[in-house]
Amino acid sequence: MDFQDIVNLEEKIDALISLVMQLKIEKEELINKLKKKEEENAKLLEEINRREEERKIIKERIGNLIEKLSQI
């Protein structure tokens, strides 16, 4: 192994280290995006549940009104 081989090896190792560091940064960014999307998803599920409950209540009230009207 001559000096140029060592230089080439050193360059490849440096490039590999840079790539690994960049991948770590990207991984953290993706983890943060995932957490944000999971929080958004949880909020949307809460909203869906709230609206379903409202729908149920409205349906019951309309049923009661129809029943009252049918007694007239």
PDB file of N, CA and C in Angstrom:
ATOM      1  N   MET A   1       0.858  -1.171   0.000  1.00  0.00           N
ATOM      2  CA  MET A   1       0.000   0.000   0.000  1.00  0.00           C
ATOM      3  C   MET A   1       0.903   1.233   0.000  1.00  0.00           C
ATOM      4  N   ASP A   2       0.713   2.056  -1.023  1.00  0.00           N
ATOM      5  CA  ASP A   2       1.546   3.258  -1.090  1.00  0.00           C
ATOM      6  C   ASP A   2       0.797   4.467  -0.535  1.00  0.00           C
ATOM      7  N   PHE A   3       1.438   5.600  -0.572  1.00  0.00           N
ATOM      8  CA  PHE A   3       0.895   6.824   0.013  1.00  0.00           C
ATOM      9  C   PHE A   3      -0.431   7.214  -0.634  1.00  0.00           C
ATOM     10  N   GLN A   4      -0.559   7.078  -1.950  1.00  0.00           N
ATOM     11  CA  GLN A   4      -1.790   7.452  -2.658  1.00  0.00           C
ATOM     12  C   GLN A   4      -2.961   6.566  -2.215  1.00  0.00           C
ATOM     13  N   ASP A   5      -2.680   5.311  -1.968  1.00  0.00           N
ATOM     14  CA  ASP A   5      -3.738   4.421  -1.478  1.00  0.00           C
ATOM     15  C   ASP A   5      -4.258   4.891  -0.120  1.00  0.00           C
ATOM     16  N   ILE A   6      -3.352   5.321   0.715  1.00  0.00           N
ATOM     17  CA  ILE A   6      -3.746   5.822   2.042  1.00  0.00           C
ATOM     18  C   ILE A   6      -4.567   7.106   1.899  1.00  0.00           C
ATOM     19  N   VAL A   7      -4.147   7.974   1.011  1.00  0.00           N
ATOM     20  CA  VAL A   7      -4.893   9.215   0.762  1.00  0.00           C
ATOM     21  C   VAL A   7      -6.300   8.884   0.252  1.00  0.00           C
ATOM     22  N   ASN A   8      -6.388   7.955  -0.696  1.00  0.00           N
ATOM     23  CA  ASN A   8      -7.696   7.550  -1.229  1.00  0.00           C
ATOM     24  C   ASN A   8      -8.580   6.951  -0.131  1.00  0.00           C
ATOM     25  N   LEU A   9      -7.983   6.117   0.700  1.00  0.00           N
ATOM     26  CA  LEU A   9      -8.722   5.513   1.807  1.00  0.00           C
ATOM     27  C   LEU A   9      -9.221   6.580   2.779  1.00  0.00           C
ATOM     28  N   GLU A  10      -8.362   7.528   3.083  1.00  0.00           N
ATOM     29  CA  GLU A  10      -8.732   8.618   3.978  1.00  0.00           C
ATOM     30  C   GLU A  10      -9.888   9.439   3.389  1.00  0.00           C
ATOM     31  N   GLU A  11      -9.847   9.712   2.086  1.00  0.00           N
ATOM     32  CA  GLU A  11     -10.927  10.462   1.432  1.00  0.00           C
ATOM     33  C   GLU A  11     -12.237   9.686   1.483  1.00  0.00           C
ATOM     34  N   LYS A  12     -12.156   8.381   1.254  1.00  0.00           N
ATOM     35  CA  LYS A  12     -13.364   7.552   1.295  1.00  0.00           C
ATOM     36  C   LYS A  12     -13.943   7.500   2.710  1.00  0.00           C
ATOM     37  N   ILE A  13     -13.084   7.414   3.689  1.00  0.00           N
ATOM     38  CA  ILE A  13     -13.546   7.391   5.086  1.00  0.00           C
ATOM     39  C   ILE A  13     -14.187   8.728   5.437  1.00  0.00           C
ATOM     40  N   ASP A  14     -13.579   9.825   5.026  1.00  0.00           N
ATOM     41  CA  ASP A  14     -14.151  11.146   5.284  1.00  0.00           C
ATOM     42  C   ASP A  14     -15.522  11.288   4.620  1.00  0.00           C
ATOM     43  N   ALA A  15     -15.627  10.800   3.381  1.00  0.00           N
ATOM     44  CA  ALA A  15     -16.902  10.866   2.667  1.00  0.00           C
ATOM     45  C   ALA A  15     -17.950  10.012   3.377  1.00  0.00           C
ATOM     46  N   LEU A  16     -17.541   8.861   3.852  1.00  0.00           N
ATOM     47  CA  LEU A  16     -18.448   7.970   4.565  1.00  0.00           C
ATOM     48  C   LEU A  16     -18.919   8.604   5.876  1.00  0.00           C
ATOM     49  N   ILE A  17     -18.021   9.238   6.582  1.00  0.00           N
ATOM     50  CA  ILE A  17     -18.375   9.923   7.834  1.00  0.00           C
ATOM     51  C   ILE A  17     -19.367  11.053   7.550  1.00  0.00           C
ATOM     52  N   SER A  18     -19.121  11.807   6.492  1.00  0.00           N
ATOM     53  CA  SER A  18     -20.044  12.886   6.116  1.00  0.00           C
ATOM     54  C   SER A  18     -21.420  12.330   5.785  1.00  0.00           C
ATOM     55  N   LEU A  19     -21.441  11.232   5.062  1.00  0.00           N
ATOM     56  CA  LEU A  19     -22.713  10.608   4.700  1.00  0.00           C
ATOM     57  C   LEU A  19     -23.471  10.137   5.941  1.00  0.00           C
ATOM     58  N   VAL A  20     -22.778   9.503   6.858  1.00  0.00           N
ATOM     59  CA  VAL A  20     -23.408   9.021   8.090  1.00  0.00           C
ATOM     60  C   VAL A  20     -23.955  10.190   8.896  1.00  0.00           C
ATOM     61  N   MET A  21     -23.209  11.256   8.989  1.00  0.00           N
ATOM     62  CA  MET A  21     -23.670  12.429   9.738  1.00  0.00           C
ATOM     63  C   MET A  21     -24.912  13.034   9.073  1.00  0.00           C
ATOM     64  N   GLN A  22     -24.900  13.124   7.757  1.00  0.00           N
ATOM     65  CA  GLN A  22     -26.055  13.647   7.030  1.00  0.00           C
ATOM     66  C   GLN A  22     -27.270  12.748   7.235  1.00  0.00           C
ATOM     67  N   LEU A  23     -27.066  11.452   7.212  1.00  0.00           N
ATOM     68  CA  LEU A  23     -28.175  10.514   7.428  1.00  0.00           C
ATOM     69  C   LEU A  23     -28.738  10.635   8.838  1.00  0.00           C
ATOM     70  N   LYS A  24     -27.878  10.881   9.822  1.00  0.00           N
ATOM     71  CA  LYS A  24     -28.350  11.087  11.189  1.00  0.00           C
ATOM     72  C   LYS A  24     -29.220  12.338  11.281  1.00  0.00           C
ATOM     73  N   ILE A  25     -28.803  13.393  10.603  1.00  0.00           N
ATOM     74  CA  ILE A  25     -29.582  14.637  10.596  1.00  0.00           C
ATOM     75  C   ILE A  25     -30.937  14.396   9.935  1.00  0.00           C
ATOM     76  N   GLU A  26     -30.923  13.723   8.800  1.00  0.00           N
ATOM     77  CA  GLU A  26     -32.167  13.419   8.093  1.00  0.00           C
ATOM     78  C   GLU A  26     -33.080  12.549   8.948  1.00  0.00           C
ATOM     79  N   LYS A  27     -32.498  11.600   9.648  1.00  0.00           N
ATOM     80  CA  LYS A  27     -33.279  10.730  10.522  1.00  0.00           C
ATOM     81  C   LYS A  27     -33.975  11.550  11.605  1.00  0.00           C
ATOM     82  N   GLU A  28     -33.261  12.456  12.227  1.00  0.00           N
ATOM     83  CA  GLU A  28     -33.849  13.300  13.271  1.00  0.00           C
ATOM     84  C   GLU A  28     -34.967  14.174  12.703  1.00  0.00           C
ATOM     85  N   GLU A  29     -34.742  14.712  11.506  1.00  0.00           N
ATOM     86  CA  GLU A  29     -35.777  15.528  10.871  1.00  0.00           C
ATOM     87  C   GLU A  29     -37.021  14.687  10.597  1.00  0.00           C
ATOM     88  N   LEU A  30     -36.827  13.475  10.121  1.00  0.00           N
ATOM     89  CA  LEU A  30     -37.963  12.592   9.841  1.00  0.00           C
ATOM     90  C   LEU A  30     -38.688  12.179  11.124  1.00  0.00           C
ATOM     91  N   ILE A  31     -37.935  11.950  12.173  1.00  0.00           N
ATOM     92  CA  ILE A  31     -38.552  11.613  13.464  1.00  0.00           C
ATOM     93  C   ILE A  31     -39.403  12.783  13.949  1.00  0.00           C
ATOM     94  N   ASN A  32     -38.881  13.999  13.810  1.00  0.00           N
ATOM     95  CA  ASN A  32     -39.636  15.184  14.223  1.00  0.00           C
ATOM     96  C   ASN A  32     -40.894  15.366  13.388  1.00  0.00           C
ATOM     97  N   LYS A  33     -40.781  15.149  12.083  1.00  0.00           N
ATOM     98  CA  LYS A  33     -41.954  15.247  11.213  1.00  0.00           C
ATOM     99  C   LYS A  33     -42.990  14.190  11.595  1.00  0.00           C
ATOM    100  N   LEU A  34     -42.525  12.988  11.872  1.00  0.00           N
ATOM    101  CA  LEU A  34     -43.431  11.912  12.262  1.00  0.00           C
ATOM    102  C   LEU A  34     -44.164  12.252  13.556  1.00  0.00           C
ATOM    103  N   LYS A  35     -43.435  12.777  14.531  1.00  0.00           N
ATOM    104  CA  LYS A  35     -44.066  13.168  15.796  1.00  0.00           C
ATOM    105  C   LYS A  35     -45.125  14.237  15.560  1.00  0.00           C
ATOM    106  N   LYS A  36     -44.802  15.211  14.718  1.00  0.00           N
ATOM    107  CA  LYS A  36     -45.753  16.277  14.412  1.00  0.00           C
ATOM    108  C   LYS A  36     -46.999  15.709  13.741  1.00  0.00           C
ATOM    109  N   LYS A  37     -46.820  14.811  12.793  1.00  0.00           N
ATOM    110  CA  LYS A  37     -47.959  14.197  12.097  1.00  0.00           C
ATOM    111  C   LYS A  37     -48.783  13.338  13.055  1.00  0.00           C
ATOM    112  N   GLU A  38     -48.116  12.644  13.975  1.00  0.00           N
ATOM    113  CA  GLU A  38     -48.841  11.843  14.951  1.00  0.00           C
ATOM    114  C   GLU A  38     -49.679  12.736  15.870  1.00  0.00           C
ATOM    115  N   GLU A  39     -49.136  13.893  16.244  1.00  0.00           N
ATOM    116  CA  GLU A  39     -49.896  14.851  17.058  1.00  0.00           C
ATOM    117  C   GLU A  39     -51.090  15.386  16.282  1.00  0.00           C
ATOM    118  N   GLU A  40     -50.874  15.719  15.009  1.00  0.00           N
ATOM    119  CA  GLU A  40     -51.975  16.185  14.171  1.00  0.00           C
ATOM    120  C   GLU A  40     -53.041  15.103  14.042  1.00  0.00           C
ATOM    121  N   ASN A  41     -52.602  13.875  13.857  1.00  0.00           N
ATOM    122  CA  ASN A  41     -53.520  12.745  13.725  1.00  0.00           C
ATOM    123  C   ASN A  41     -54.350  12.579  14.997  1.00  0.00           C
ATOM    124  N   ALA A  42     -53.718  12.692  16.147  1.00  0.00           N
ATOM    125  CA  ALA A  42     -54.428  12.558  17.422  1.00  0.00           C
ATOM    126  C   ALA A  42     -55.477  13.666  17.566  1.00  0.00           C
ATOM    127  N   LYS A  43     -55.114  14.895  17.181  1.00  0.00           N
ATOM    128  CA  LYS A  43     -56.064  16.003  17.243  1.00  0.00           C
ATOM    129  C   LYS A  43     -57.247  15.769  16.308  1.00  0.00           C
ATOM    130  N   LEU A  44     -56.967  15.268  15.115  1.00  0.00           N
ATOM    131  CA  LEU A  44     -58.041  14.999  14.164  1.00  0.00           C
ATOM    132  C   LEU A  44     -58.956  13.881  14.670  1.00  0.00           C
ATOM    133  N   LEU A  45     -58.375  12.866  15.284  1.00  0.00           N
ATOM    134  CA  LEU A  45     -59.195  11.795  15.844  1.00  0.00           C
ATOM    135  C   LEU A  45     -60.087  12.312  16.968  1.00  0.00           C
ATOM    136  N   GLU A  46     -59.549  13.203  17.790  1.00  0.00           N
ATOM    137  CA  GLU A  46     -60.358  13.824  18.841  1.00  0.00           C
ATOM    138  C   GLU A  46     -61.498  14.615  18.234  1.00  0.00           C
ATOM    139  N   GLU A  47     -61.216  15.350  17.181  1.00  0.00           N
ATOM    140  CA  GLU A  47     -62.246  16.132  16.499  1.00  0.00           C
ATOM    141  C   GLU A  47     -63.327  15.220  15.917  1.00  0.00           C
ATOM    142  N   ILE A  48     -62.911  14.125  15.302  1.00  0.00           N
ATOM    143  CA  ILE A  48     -63.869  13.157  14.753  1.00  0.00           C
ATOM    144  C   ILE A  48     -64.753  12.607  15.862  1.00  0.00           C
ATOM    145  N   ASN A  49     -64.146  12.222  16.966  1.00  0.00           N
ATOM    146  CA  ASN A  49     -64.922  11.678  18.084  1.00  0.00           C
ATOM    147  C   ASN A  49     -65.904  12.709  18.631  1.00  0.00           C
ATOM    148  N   ARG A  50     -65.453  13.946  18.748  1.00  0.00           N
ATOM    149  CA  ARG A  50     -66.319  15.008  19.246  1.00  0.00           C
ATOM    150  C   ARG A  50     -67.503  15.219  18.307  1.00  0.00           C
ATOM    151  N   ARG A  51     -67.225  15.252  17.023  1.00  0.00           N
ATOM    152  CA  ARG A  51     -68.295  15.463  16.040  1.00  0.00           C
ATOM    153  C   ARG A  51     -69.251  14.274  15.995  1.00  0.00           C
ATOM    154  N   GLU A  52     -68.734  13.068  16.150  1.00  0.00           N
ATOM    155  CA  GLU A  52     -69.611  11.896  16.187  1.00  0.00           C
ATOM    156  C   GLU A  52     -70.540  11.959  17.399  1.00  0.00           C
ATOM    157  N   GLU A  53     -70.009  12.408  18.517  1.00  0.00           N
ATOM    158  CA  GLU A  53     -70.831  12.552  19.720  1.00  0.00           C
ATOM    159  C   GLU A  53     -71.901  13.620  19.498  1.00  0.00           C
ATOM    160  N   GLU A  54     -71.516  14.740  18.901  1.00  0.00           N
ATOM    161  CA  GLU A  54     -72.489  15.789  18.585  1.00  0.00           C
ATOM    162  C   GLU A  54     -73.563  15.252  17.648  1.00  0.00           C
ATOM    163  N   ARG A  55     -73.145  14.499  16.657  1.00  0.00           N
ATOM    164  CA  ARG A  55     -74.083  13.914  15.685  1.00  0.00           C
ATOM    165  C   ARG A  55     -75.074  13.003  16.399  1.00  0.00           C
ATOM    166  N   LYS A  56     -74.574  12.207  17.322  1.00  0.00           N
ATOM    167  CA  LYS A  56     -75.434  11.296  18.082  1.00  0.00           C
ATOM    168  C   LYS A  56     -76.478  12.082  18.882  1.00  0.00           C
ATOM    169  N   ILE A  57     -76.032  13.142  19.529  1.00  0.00           N
ATOM    170  CA  ILE A  57     -76.940  13.972  20.329  1.00  0.00           C
ATOM    171  C   ILE A  57     -77.987  14.631  19.436  1.00  0.00           C
ATOM    172  N   ILE A  58     -77.560  15.171  18.312  1.00  0.00           N
ATOM    173  CA  ILE A  58     -78.491  15.820  17.381  1.00  0.00           C
ATOM    174  C   ILE A  58     -79.503  14.809  16.860  1.00  0.00           C
ATOM    175  N   LYS A  59     -79.023  13.622  16.524  1.00  0.00           N
ATOM    176  CA  LYS A  59     -79.921  12.572  16.021  1.00  0.00           C
ATOM    177  C   LYS A  59     -80.979  12.238  17.073  1.00  0.00           C
ATOM    178  N   GLU A  60     -80.579  12.125  18.330  1.00  0.00           N
ATOM    179  CA  GLU A  60     -81.519  11.834  19.403  1.00  0.00           C
ATOM    180  C   GLU A  60     -82.535  12.963  19.553  1.00  0.00           C
ATOM    181  N   ARG A  61     -82.057  14.196  19.503  1.00  0.00           N
ATOM    182  CA  ARG A  61     -82.964  15.345  19.665  1.00  0.00           C
ATOM    183  C   ARG A  61     -83.952  15.431  18.507  1.00  0.00           C
ATOM    184  N   ILE A  62     -83.486  15.182  17.300  1.00  0.00           N
ATOM    185  CA  ILE A  62     -84.387  15.192  16.143  1.00  0.00           C
ATOM    186  C   ILE A  62     -85.416  14.072  16.279  1.00  0.00           C
ATOM    187  N   GLY A  63     -84.964  12.917  16.737  1.00  0.00           N
ATOM    188  CA  GLY A  63     -85.894  11.808  16.968  1.00  0.00           C
ATOM    189  C   GLY A  63     -86.967  12.187  17.974  1.00  0.00           C
ATOM    190  N   ASN A  64     -86.566  12.862  19.043  1.00  0.00           N
ATOM    191  CA  ASN A  64     -87.519  13.309  20.053  1.00  0.00           C
ATOM    192  C   ASN A  64     -88.503  14.321  19.472  1.00  0.00           C
ATOM    193  N   LEU A  65     -87.988  15.245  18.639  1.00  0.00           N
ATOM    194  CA  LEU A  65     -88.867  16.232  18.007  1.00  0.00           C
ATOM    195  C   LEU A  65     -89.872  15.559  17.071  1.00  0.00           C
ATOM    196  N   ILE A  66     -89.402  14.598  16.306  1.00  0.00           N
ATOM    197  CA  ILE A  66     -90.295  13.861  15.391  1.00  0.00           C
ATOM    198  C   ILE A  66     -91.363  13.135  16.195  1.00  0.00           C
ATOM    199  N   GLU A  67     -90.955  12.535  17.296  1.00  0.00           N
ATOM    200  CA  GLU A  67     -91.913  11.833  18.152  1.00  0.00           C
ATOM    201  C   GLU A  67     -92.960  12.808  18.707  1.00  0.00           C
ATOM    202  N   LYS A  68     -92.540  13.986  19.146  1.00  0.00           N
ATOM    203  CA  LYS A  68     -93.474  14.995  19.649  1.00  0.00           C
ATOM    204  C   LYS A  68     -94.444  15.440  18.545  1.00  0.00           C
ATOM    205  N   LEU A  69     -93.892  15.655  17.326  1.00  0.00           N
ATOM    206  CA  LEU A  69     -94.727  16.078  16.223  1.00  0.00           C
ATOM    207  C   LEU A  69     -95.742  14.993  15.841  1.00  0.00           C
ATOM    208  N   SER A  70     -95.364  13.761  15.945  1.00  0.00           N
ATOM    209  CA  SER A  70     -96.270  12.675  15.581  1.00  0.00           C
ATOM    210  C   SER A  70     -97.422  12.536  16.574  1.00  0.00           C
ATOM    211  N   GLN A  71     -97.286  13.118  17.741  1.00  0.00           N
ATOM    212  CA  GLN A  71     -98.342  13.056  18.742  1.00  0.00           C
ATOM    213  C   GLN A  71     -99.402  14.123  18.511  1.00  0.00           C
ATOM    214  N   ILE A  72     -99.135  15.046  17.613  1.00  0.00           N
ATOM    215  CA  ILE A  72    -100.093  16.137  17.376  1.00  0.00           C
ATOM    216  C   ILE A  72    -101.242  15.633  16.530  1.00  0.00           C
TER     217      ILE A  72
END
